[in-house]
Amino acid sequence: MYFTFRELAAVALTGGTNYFVDLRKEAGKWLIEVSVLDAGKKVQQKYLVQTNRGKTKTWKYLDDALAFVNEYCANCQNLSIAVDGKVWKLRSEEREAGTQQS
């Protein structure tokens, strides 16, 4: 199954709270596979990110793929990212109105 970038952003906005994003290199290019997790952290469904024309989206450089994740998964409350097997877990924090973090 596939997500376009718009679908990925829409799911993040409509209540998806747990994602696992796997960035991996295949044939010299980076691709992204997104797994939506249930409350028990079990995979419900996996999606490759594709272009609007239906081809799997790839990136030549890892920083471009990470910029894509930053832009289109910004509303994910709990996001885990794997890059070539190493996993980072990111959690959103609610801040009180009017407070700043330094």
N, C-alpha and C. Protein backbone atom coordinates (compact mmCIF):
# COMPACT_ATOMS: atom_id res chain seq x y z
N MET A 1 0.84 -1.18 0.00
CA MET A 1 0.00 0.00 0.00
C MET A 1 0.88 1.24 0.00
N TYR A 2 0.28 2.34 -0.39
CA TYR A 2 1.04 3.58 -0.55
C TYR A 2 0.33 4.77 0.07
N PHE A 3 1.11 5.76 0.48
CA PHE A 3 0.65 7.08 0.90
C PHE A 3 1.27 8.09 -0.05
N THR A 4 0.50 9.05 -0.49
CA THR A 4 1.12 10.23 -1.10
C THR A 4 1.47 11.16 0.04
N PHE A 5 2.26 12.18 -0.24
CA PHE A 5 2.64 13.10 0.83
C PHE A 5 1.42 13.80 1.42
N ARG A 6 0.42 14.07 0.61
CA ARG A 6 -0.79 14.72 1.12
C ARG A 6 -1.56 13.78 2.05
N GLU A 7 -1.65 12.51 1.70
CA GLU A 7 -2.35 11.54 2.55
C GLU A 7 -1.62 11.38 3.87
N LEU A 8 -0.30 11.34 3.83
CA LEU A 8 0.49 11.21 5.05
C LEU A 8 0.24 12.39 5.98
N ALA A 9 0.25 13.59 5.44
CA ALA A 9 -0.01 14.79 6.25
C ALA A 9 -1.44 14.78 6.79
N ALA A 10 -2.41 14.34 5.99
CA ALA A 10 -3.81 14.31 6.42
C ALA A 10 -4.00 13.32 7.57
N VAL A 11 -3.39 12.15 7.49
CA VAL A 11 -3.52 11.16 8.55
C VAL A 11 -2.89 11.70 9.84
N ALA A 12 -1.77 12.38 9.72
CA ALA A 12 -1.13 12.96 10.91
C ALA A 12 -2.02 14.01 11.56
N LEU A 13 -2.78 14.74 10.77
CA LEU A 13 -3.67 15.76 11.31
C LEU A 13 -4.95 15.20 11.92
N THR A 14 -5.40 14.04 11.46
CA THR A 14 -6.71 13.53 11.86
C THR A 14 -6.66 12.53 13.00
N GLY A 15 -5.60 12.51 13.76
CA GLY A 15 -5.62 11.70 14.96
C GLY A 15 -4.68 10.53 15.00
N GLY A 16 -3.87 10.34 13.98
CA GLY A 16 -2.88 9.28 14.08
C GLY A 16 -1.87 9.65 15.15
N THR A 17 -1.69 8.80 16.13
CA THR A 17 -0.80 9.16 17.24
C THR A 17 0.48 8.35 17.29
N ASN A 18 0.56 7.29 16.56
CA ASN A 18 1.75 6.45 16.63
C ASN A 18 2.20 6.05 15.22
N TYR A 19 3.41 6.46 14.90
CA TYR A 19 3.98 6.14 13.61
C TYR A 19 5.36 5.56 13.78
N PHE A 20 5.71 4.68 12.88
CA PHE A 20 7.08 4.22 12.77
C PHE A 20 7.50 4.51 11.34
N VAL A 21 8.53 5.33 11.17
CA VAL A 21 8.99 5.71 9.85
C VAL A 21 10.34 5.06 9.62
N ASP A 22 10.41 4.23 8.60
CA ASP A 22 11.64 3.51 8.27
C ASP A 22 12.25 4.12 7.01
N LEU A 23 13.40 4.75 7.16
CA LEU A 23 14.15 5.28 6.03
C LEU A 23 15.23 4.27 5.70
N ARG A 24 15.24 3.80 4.49
CA ARG A 24 16.27 2.83 4.12
C ARG A 24 16.75 3.09 2.70
N LYS A 25 17.96 2.64 2.47
CA LYS A 25 18.59 2.86 1.18
C LYS A 25 18.43 1.62 0.33
N GLU A 26 17.87 1.82 -0.86
CA GLU A 26 17.73 0.73 -1.83
C GLU A 26 18.18 1.25 -3.18
N ALA A 27 19.07 0.51 -3.80
CA ALA A 27 19.60 0.86 -5.12
C ALA A 27 20.16 2.28 -5.14
N GLY A 28 20.83 2.68 -4.06
CA GLY A 28 21.48 3.98 -4.00
C GLY A 28 20.58 5.15 -3.69
N LYS A 29 19.30 4.92 -3.43
CA LYS A 29 18.37 6.01 -3.11
C LYS A 29 17.63 5.67 -1.82
N TRP A 30 17.23 6.73 -1.10
CA TRP A 30 16.48 6.57 0.14
C TRP A 30 15.00 6.49 -0.15
N LEU A 31 14.31 5.59 0.54
CA LEU A 31 12.85 5.55 0.47
C LEU A 31 12.30 5.49 1.87
N ILE A 32 11.01 5.80 1.99
CA ILE A 32 10.37 5.87 3.31
C ILE A 32 9.20 4.91 3.34
N GLU A 33 9.19 4.06 4.38
CA GLU A 33 8.04 3.20 4.65
C GLU A 33 7.45 3.63 5.99
N VAL A 34 6.17 3.93 6.00
CA VAL A 34 5.48 4.40 7.20
C VAL A 34 4.59 3.28 7.72
N SER A 35 4.76 2.95 9.00
CA SER A 35 3.88 1.98 9.65
C SER A 35 3.02 2.73 10.65
N VAL A 36 1.71 2.54 10.56
CA VAL A 36 0.79 3.12 11.53
C VAL A 36 0.58 2.07 12.60
N LEU A 37 0.79 2.46 13.87
CA LEU A 37 0.73 1.53 14.99
C LEU A 37 -0.57 1.70 15.76
N ASP A 38 -1.05 0.62 16.36
CA ASP A 38 -2.23 0.73 17.21
C ASP A 38 -1.79 1.07 18.63
N ALA A 39 -2.74 1.13 19.56
CA ALA A 39 -2.43 1.51 20.94
C ALA A 39 -1.44 0.56 21.60
N GLY A 40 -1.43 -0.69 21.17
CA GLY A 40 -0.50 -1.67 21.72
C GLY A 40 0.84 -1.70 21.01
N LYS A 41 1.10 -0.69 20.15
CA LYS A 41 2.33 -0.56 19.39
C LYS A 41 2.53 -1.67 18.36
N LYS A 42 1.42 -2.27 17.94
CA LYS A 42 1.50 -3.28 16.88
C LYS A 42 1.17 -2.62 15.55
N VAL A 43 1.83 -3.07 14.50
CA VAL A 43 1.65 -2.48 13.18
C VAL A 43 0.26 -2.79 12.66
N GLN A 44 -0.49 -1.73 12.33
CA GLN A 44 -1.80 -1.90 11.70
C GLN A 44 -1.66 -2.01 10.20
N GLN A 45 -0.82 -1.16 9.63
CA GLN A 45 -0.65 -1.12 8.18
C GLN A 45 0.68 -0.47 7.85
N LYS A 46 1.28 -0.90 6.72
CA LYS A 46 2.51 -0.29 6.24
C LYS A 46 2.25 0.37 4.90
N TYR A 47 2.89 1.51 4.70
CA TYR A 47 2.72 2.27 3.47
C TYR A 47 4.07 2.78 2.98
N LEU A 48 4.34 2.64 1.70
CA LEU A 48 5.48 3.32 1.10
C LEU A 48 5.00 4.69 0.65
N VAL A 49 5.86 5.68 0.75
CA VAL A 49 5.50 7.01 0.27
C VAL A 49 5.70 7.03 -1.24
N GLN A 50 4.69 7.53 -1.94
CA GLN A 50 4.77 7.59 -3.39
C GLN A 50 4.52 9.00 -3.89
N THR A 51 4.87 9.22 -5.14
CA THR A 51 4.63 10.51 -5.77
C THR A 51 3.17 10.58 -6.20
N ASN A 52 2.73 11.76 -6.60
CA ASN A 52 1.35 11.90 -7.10
C ASN A 52 1.12 11.11 -8.37
N ARG A 53 2.17 10.77 -9.08
CA ARG A 53 2.04 10.00 -10.33
C ARG A 53 2.09 8.49 -10.09
N GLY A 54 2.20 8.07 -8.84
CA GLY A 54 2.10 6.66 -8.52
C GLY A 54 3.40 5.90 -8.43
N LYS A 55 4.53 6.57 -8.50
CA LYS A 55 5.82 5.90 -8.35
C LYS A 55 6.31 6.06 -6.92
N THR A 56 7.06 5.08 -6.43
CA THR A 56 7.62 5.19 -5.09
C THR A 56 8.55 6.40 -5.04
N LYS A 57 8.34 7.26 -4.04
CA LYS A 57 9.15 8.46 -3.88
C LYS A 57 10.50 8.07 -3.32
N THR A 58 11.57 8.58 -3.91
CA THR A 58 12.92 8.32 -3.42
C THR A 58 13.67 9.64 -3.29
N TRP A 59 14.72 9.61 -2.49
CA TRP A 59 15.57 10.76 -2.27
C TRP A 59 17.01 10.33 -2.45
N LYS A 60 17.80 11.18 -3.06
CA LYS A 60 19.22 10.89 -3.25
C LYS A 60 19.98 11.07 -1.94
N TYR A 61 19.57 12.07 -1.16
CA TYR A 61 20.28 12.40 0.07
C TYR A 61 19.39 12.17 1.30
N LEU A 62 19.99 11.63 2.36
CA LEU A 62 19.26 11.36 3.59
C LEU A 62 18.67 12.63 4.18
N ASP A 63 19.40 13.74 4.15
CA ASP A 63 18.86 14.97 4.76
C ASP A 63 17.60 15.45 4.04
N ASP A 64 17.47 15.20 2.76
CA ASP A 64 16.24 15.55 2.05
C ASP A 64 15.08 14.67 2.50
N ALA A 65 15.33 13.38 2.72
CA ALA A 65 14.29 12.47 3.20
C ALA A 65 13.85 12.87 4.61
N LEU A 66 14.81 13.23 5.47
CA LEU A 66 14.47 13.67 6.82
C LEU A 66 13.70 15.00 6.81
N ALA A 67 14.03 15.89 5.90
CA ALA A 67 13.28 17.14 5.77
C ALA A 67 11.84 16.86 5.37
N PHE A 68 11.62 15.86 4.51
CA PHE A 68 10.28 15.44 4.12
C PHE A 68 9.51 14.94 5.34
N VAL A 69 10.14 14.08 6.14
CA VAL A 69 9.49 13.57 7.35
C VAL A 69 9.16 14.72 8.29
N ASN A 70 10.07 15.65 8.45
CA ASN A 70 9.83 16.80 9.32
C ASN A 70 8.64 17.62 8.85
N GLU A 71 8.51 17.79 7.56
CA GLU A 71 7.41 18.60 7.03
C GLU A 71 6.07 17.88 7.08
N TYR A 72 6.02 16.63 6.66
CA TYR A 72 4.74 15.95 6.51
C TYR A 72 4.33 15.10 7.70
N CYS A 73 5.21 14.89 8.66
CA CYS A 73 4.85 14.15 9.87
C CYS A 73 4.90 15.06 11.09
N ALA A 74 4.89 16.36 10.86
CA ALA A 74 5.04 17.32 11.96
C ALA A 74 3.95 17.20 13.01
N ASN A 75 2.76 16.75 12.64
CA ASN A 75 1.65 16.65 13.59
C ASN A 75 1.55 15.30 14.27
N CYS A 76 2.46 14.40 14.00
CA CYS A 76 2.45 13.10 14.67
C CYS A 76 2.82 13.30 16.13
N GLN A 77 2.05 12.71 17.02
CA GLN A 77 2.31 12.89 18.44
C GLN A 77 3.43 11.97 18.93
N ASN A 78 3.51 10.78 18.42
CA ASN A 78 4.57 9.85 18.77
C ASN A 78 5.14 9.30 17.48
N LEU A 79 6.40 9.58 17.23
CA LEU A 79 7.01 9.22 15.97
C LEU A 79 8.33 8.52 16.24
N SER A 80 8.49 7.35 15.67
CA SER A 80 9.76 6.64 15.74
C SER A 80 10.33 6.59 14.34
N ILE A 81 11.61 6.88 14.22
CA ILE A 81 12.26 6.89 12.92
C ILE A 81 13.44 5.93 12.97
N ALA A 82 13.52 5.06 11.97
CA ALA A 82 14.67 4.17 11.83
C ALA A 82 15.43 4.57 10.58
N VAL A 83 16.74 4.70 10.73
CA VAL A 83 17.60 4.97 9.58
C VAL A 83 18.61 3.85 9.55
N ASP A 84 18.51 3.02 8.52
CA ASP A 84 19.39 1.85 8.39
C ASP A 84 19.46 1.05 9.69
N GLY A 85 18.32 0.86 10.35
CA GLY A 85 18.25 0.00 11.52
C GLY A 85 18.37 0.70 12.86
N LYS A 86 18.88 1.91 12.93
CA LYS A 86 18.99 2.64 14.21
C LYS A 86 17.70 3.41 14.42
N VAL A 87 17.10 3.30 15.62
CA VAL A 87 15.78 3.87 15.89
C VAL A 87 15.87 5.07 16.82
N TRP A 88 15.15 6.15 16.44
CA TRP A 88 14.96 7.33 17.29
C TRP A 88 13.49 7.45 17.59
N LYS A 89 13.14 7.75 18.84
CA LYS A 89 11.74 7.94 19.23
C LYS A 89 11.54 9.39 19.63
N LEU A 90 10.57 10.02 18.99
CA LEU A 90 10.27 11.42 19.23
C LEU A 90 8.86 11.52 19.80
N ARG A 91 8.69 12.29 20.85
CA ARG A 91 7.38 12.48 21.44
C ARG A 91 7.09 13.97 21.53
N SER A 92 5.87 14.32 21.24
CA SER A 92 5.51 15.73 21.35
C SER A 92 5.28 16.08 22.81
N GLU A 93 5.55 17.31 23.14
CA GLU A 93 5.31 17.81 24.49
C GLU A 93 4.34 18.96 24.40
N GLU A 94 3.36 18.94 25.28
CA GLU A 94 2.43 20.06 25.33
C GLU A 94 3.06 21.15 26.18
N ARG A 95 3.03 22.37 25.66
CA ARG A 95 3.56 23.51 26.40
C ARG A 95 2.40 24.39 26.81
N GLU A 96 2.53 24.99 27.97
CA GLU A 96 1.51 25.93 28.41
C GLU A 96 1.59 27.19 27.56
N ALA A 97 0.46 27.77 27.30
CA ALA A 97 0.43 29.01 26.50
C ALA A 97 1.26 30.09 27.20
N GLY A 98 2.07 30.77 26.41
CA GLY A 98 2.86 31.88 26.94
C GLY A 98 4.20 31.48 27.52
N THR A 99 4.53 30.18 27.52
CA THR A 99 5.82 29.77 28.04
C THR A 99 6.75 29.45 26.87
N GLN A 100 8.03 29.65 27.12
CA GLN A 100 9.03 29.36 26.10
C GLN A 100 10.01 28.36 26.66
N GLN A 101 10.51 27.53 25.75
CA GLN A 101 11.59 26.64 26.12
C GLN A 101 12.86 27.18 25.54
N SER A 102 13.93 27.12 26.29
CA SER A 102 15.21 27.61 25.76
C SER A 102 16.11 26.49 25.36
